[in-house]
C-alpha atoms as a PDB file:
ATOM      1  CA  GLN A   1       0.009   0.039  -0.061  1.00  0.00           C
ATOM      2  CA  VAL A   2       1.279   3.418  -0.993  1.00  0.00           C
ATOM      3  CA  GLN A   3       1.301   6.136   1.528  1.00  0.00           C
ATOM      4  CA  LEU A   4       2.711   9.817   1.102  1.00  0.00           C
ATOM      5  CA  VAL A   5       3.046  11.824   4.090  1.00  0.00           C
ATOM      6  CA  GLU A   6       3.894  15.615   3.700  1.00  0.00           C
ATOM      7  CA  SER A   7       5.388  17.728   6.400  1.00  0.00           C
ATOM      8  CA  GLY A   8       7.056  21.331   6.656  1.00  0.00           C
ATOM      9  CA  GLY A   9       4.028  23.492   6.092  1.00  0.00           C
ATOM     10  CA  GLY A  10       3.222  26.459   8.305  1.00  0.00           C
ATOM     11  CA  SER A  11       2.754  30.113   8.460  1.00  0.00           C
ATOM     12  CA  VAL A  12       5.507  32.656   7.116  1.00  0.00           C
ATOM     13  CA  GLN A  13       5.613  36.279   6.247  1.00  0.00           C
ATOM     14  CA  ALA A  14       5.913  37.452   2.709  1.00  0.00           C
ATOM     15  CA  GLY A  15       9.520  37.096   1.480  1.00  0.00           C
ATOM     16  CA  GLY A  16      10.106  34.176   3.690  1.00  0.00           C
ATOM     17  CA  SER A  17      10.926  30.528   2.846  1.00  0.00           C
ATOM     18  CA  LEU A  18       9.602  27.143   3.726  1.00  0.00           C
ATOM     19  CA  ARG A  19      10.706  23.488   2.678  1.00  0.00           C
ATOM     20  CA  LEU A  20       8.123  20.874   2.345  1.00  0.00           C
ATOM     21  CA  SER A  21       8.905  17.238   2.481  1.00  0.00           C
ATOM     22  CA  CYS A  22       6.970  14.193   1.378  1.00  0.00           C
ATOM     23  CA  THR A  23       8.138  10.870   2.501  1.00  0.00           C
ATOM     24  CA  ALA A  24       6.832   7.655   0.723  1.00  0.00           C
ATOM     25  CA  SER A  25       6.296   4.218   1.835  1.00  0.00           C
ATOM     26  CA  GLY A  26       5.382   1.402  -0.756  1.00  0.00           C
ATOM     27  CA  TYR A  27       6.540   3.640  -3.636  1.00  0.00           C
ATOM     28  CA  SER A  28       9.877   4.444  -4.836  1.00  0.00           C
ATOM     29  CA  TYR A  29      10.741   7.972  -6.214  1.00  0.00           C
ATOM     30  CA  SER A  30      13.571   6.384  -8.229  1.00  0.00           C
ATOM     31  CA  GLY A  31      11.098   4.344 -10.270  1.00  0.00           C
ATOM     32  CA  GLY A  32       8.574   7.004 -11.148  1.00  0.00           C
ATOM     33  CA  GLY A  33       7.478  10.595 -11.194  1.00  0.00           C
ATOM     34  CA  ALA A  34       6.328  12.974  -8.440  1.00  0.00           C
ATOM     35  CA  ALA A  35       4.892  16.404  -8.110  1.00  0.00           C
ATOM     36  CA  TRP A  36       3.754  19.077  -5.887  1.00  0.00           C
ATOM     37  CA  PHE A  37       0.301  20.490  -6.304  1.00  0.00           C
ATOM     38  CA  ARG A  38      -1.583  23.105  -4.431  1.00  0.00           C
ATOM     39  CA  GLN A  39      -5.217  24.245  -3.839  1.00  0.00           C
ATOM     40  CA  ALA A  40      -6.337  27.483  -2.517  1.00  0.00           C
ATOM     41  CA  PRO A  41      -9.814  28.067  -1.161  1.00  0.00           C
ATOM     42  CA  GLU A  42     -12.463  28.150  -3.954  1.00  0.00           C
ATOM     43  CA  LYS A  43      -9.819  27.519  -6.483  1.00  0.00           C
ATOM     44  CA  GLU A  44      -8.820  24.314  -8.615  1.00  0.00           C
ATOM     45  CA  ARG A  45      -5.853  22.274  -7.827  1.00  0.00           C
ATOM     46  CA  GLU A  46      -2.993  23.360  -9.877  1.00  0.00           C
ATOM     47  CA  GLY A  47       0.364  21.804 -10.422  1.00  0.00           C
ATOM     48  CA  VAL A  48       3.410  23.540  -8.871  1.00  0.00           C
ATOM     49  CA  ALA A  49       6.517  21.438  -9.791  1.00  0.00           C
ATOM     50  CA  ALA A  50       7.223  17.998 -10.985  1.00  0.00           C
ATOM     51  CA  ILE A  51      10.292  15.672 -11.180  1.00  0.00           C
ATOM     52  CA  ASP A  52      10.636  12.615 -13.181  1.00  0.00           C
ATOM     53  CA  SER A  53      12.527   9.446 -12.285  1.00  0.00           C
ATOM     54  CA  ASP A  54      15.644  10.729 -14.182  1.00  0.00           C
ATOM     55  CA  GLY A  55      15.430  13.983 -12.291  1.00  0.00           C
ATOM     56  CA  SER A  56      14.216  16.275 -14.865  1.00  0.00           C
ATOM     57  CA  THR A  57      12.042  19.063 -13.552  1.00  0.00           C
ATOM     58  CA  SER A  58       9.294  21.312 -14.550  1.00  0.00           C
ATOM     59  CA  TYR A  59       7.502  24.319 -13.059  1.00  0.00           C
ATOM     60  CA  ALA A  60       4.358  26.364 -13.196  1.00  0.00           C
ATOM     61  CA  ASP A  61       5.251  29.868 -14.420  1.00  0.00           C
ATOM     62  CA  SER A  62       3.989  31.439 -11.188  1.00  0.00           C
ATOM     63  CA  VAL A  63       6.652  29.892  -9.191  1.00  0.00           C
ATOM     64  CA  LYS A  64       9.688  29.629 -11.605  1.00  0.00           C
ATOM     65  CA  GLY A  65      12.915  31.028 -10.125  1.00  0.00           C
ATOM     66  CA  ARG A  66      11.227  30.890  -6.556  1.00  0.00           C
ATOM     67  CA  PHE A  67      10.574  27.141  -5.826  1.00  0.00           C
ATOM     68  CA  THR A  68      12.806  24.075  -6.298  1.00  0.00           C
ATOM     69  CA  ILE A  69      11.732  20.553  -6.495  1.00  0.00           C
ATOM     70  CA  SER A  70      14.202  17.822  -5.553  1.00  0.00           C
ATOM     71  CA  LYS A  71      14.177  14.203  -4.272  1.00  0.00           C
ATOM     72  CA  ASP A  72      16.532  11.973  -2.156  1.00  0.00           C
ATOM     73  CA  ASN A  73      15.993   8.505  -3.514  1.00  0.00           C
ATOM     74  CA  ALA A  74      18.035   7.045  -0.593  1.00  0.00           C
ATOM     75  CA  LYS A  75      15.607   8.610   1.913  1.00  0.00           C
ATOM     76  CA  ASN A  76      12.625   8.123  -0.465  1.00  0.00           C
ATOM     77  CA  THR A  77      11.700  11.787   0.150  1.00  0.00           C
ATOM     78  CA  LEU A  78      10.554  14.354  -2.038  1.00  0.00           C
ATOM     79  CA  TYR A  79      11.147  18.210  -1.375  1.00  0.00           C
ATOM     80  CA  LEU A  80       9.814  21.491  -2.350  1.00  0.00           C
ATOM     81  CA  GLN A  81      11.922  24.406  -1.367  1.00  0.00           C
ATOM     82  CA  MET A  82       9.900  27.737  -1.565  1.00  0.00           C
ATOM     83  CA  ASN A  83      11.643  31.051  -1.556  1.00  0.00           C
ATOM     84  CA  SER A  84      10.251  34.544  -1.903  1.00  0.00           C
ATOM     85  CA  LEU A  85       6.826  33.572  -0.731  1.00  0.00           C
ATOM     86  CA  ASN A  86       3.877  35.789  -1.311  1.00  0.00           C
ATOM     87  CA  PRO A  87       0.427  35.912  -0.111  1.00  0.00           C
ATOM     88  CA  GLU A  88      -0.880  34.272  -3.413  1.00  0.00           C
ATOM     89  CA  ASP A  89       1.194  31.027  -2.426  1.00  0.00           C
ATOM     90  CA  THR A  90      -1.177  30.420   0.542  1.00  0.00           C
ATOM     91  CA  ALA A  91      -2.855  27.200  -0.110  1.00  0.00           C
ATOM     92  CA  ILE A  92      -2.828  23.531   1.016  1.00  0.00           C
ATOM     93  CA  TYR A  93       0.114  21.630  -0.744  1.00  0.00           C
ATOM     94  CA  PHE A  94       0.004  18.140  -1.860  1.00  0.00           C
ATOM     95  CA  CYS A  95       2.694  15.768  -3.026  1.00  0.00           C
ATOM     96  CA  ALA A  96       1.595  13.012  -5.660  1.00  0.00           C
ATOM     97  CA  ALA A  97       3.225  10.276  -7.423  1.00  0.00           C
ATOM     98  CA  ARG A  98       2.879   8.125 -10.664  1.00  0.00           C
ATOM     99  CA  PRO A  99       4.800   5.039 -11.413  1.00  0.00           C
ATOM    100  CA  GLY A 100       6.811   4.495 -14.604  1.00  0.00           C
ATOM    101  CA  SER A 101       8.829   6.805 -16.777  1.00  0.00           C
ATOM    102  CA  GLY A 102       8.425   8.394 -20.133  1.00  0.00           C
ATOM    103  CA  TRP A 103       5.373  10.396 -19.637  1.00  0.00           C
ATOM    104  CA  PRO A 104       4.585  13.195 -21.949  1.00  0.00           C
ATOM    105  CA  SER A 105       6.023  16.445 -20.509  1.00  0.00           C
ATOM    106  CA  ASP A 106       2.943  18.159 -20.865  1.00  0.00           C
ATOM    107  CA  SER A 107       1.179  15.861 -18.486  1.00  0.00           C
ATOM    108  CA  ASP A 108       3.719  16.723 -15.697  1.00  0.00           C
ATOM    109  CA  LEU A 109       1.509  19.125 -13.858  1.00  0.00           C
ATOM    110  CA  SER A 110      -1.748  17.574 -14.570  1.00  0.00           C
ATOM    111  CA  ALA A 111      -3.467  16.283 -11.502  1.00  0.00           C
ATOM    112  CA  LEU A 112      -5.305  13.673 -13.530  1.00  0.00           C
ATOM    113  CA  GLU A 113      -2.032  11.901 -14.450  1.00  0.00           C
ATOM    114  CA  TYR A 114      -0.952  11.062 -10.743  1.00  0.00           C
ATOM    115  CA  VAL A 115      -2.288   7.948  -8.855  1.00  0.00           C
ATOM    116  CA  TYR A 116      -0.974   8.368  -5.399  1.00  0.00           C
ATOM    117  CA  TRP A 117      -1.685  11.522  -3.216  1.00  0.00           C
ATOM    118  CA  GLY A 118      -0.653  12.793   0.331  1.00  0.00           C
ATOM    119  CA  GLN A 119      -3.033  14.292   2.631  1.00  0.00           C
ATOM    120  CA  GLY A 120      -1.827  17.921   2.291  1.00  0.00           C
ATOM    121  CA  THR A 121      -0.012  20.538   4.367  1.00  0.00           C
ATOM    122  CA  GLN A 122      -1.120  23.966   4.899  1.00  0.00           C
ATOM    123  CA  VAL A 123       1.013  26.962   3.799  1.00  0.00           C
ATOM    124  CA  THR A 124      -0.054  30.322   4.842  1.00  0.00           C
ATOM    125  CA  VAL A 125       1.874  33.458   3.785  1.00  0.00           C
ATOM    126  CA  SER A 126       0.994  36.773   5.478  1.00  0.00           C
ATOM    127  CA  SER A 127       1.738  40.189   4.182  1.00  0.00           C
END
């Protein structure tokens, strides 16, 4: 049974930083893709950043240059380093995973393409 558990959320002032972690059990990040999504109140879930099994990454335009996705295969943990946070980044952040490789790049940030999901962690950025 696959389980993804996020941690690292919290409250921060604008301009601050947070690092989210997502530890997997029953799933290996070395053998598949993973991504971070977020959902703000009354908004659709949106893809933030994705990383493939080979380490290639993709980002939403809104976070490029500010967020960095990475993974530690030995620890089976996915990370999202978030810098220069602003109030528009306030949301529940979810990690997600999909087995395999060779997925079309335009599917990297599509929630429909992911099979496994964490429970989410709240990130609140105050101005």
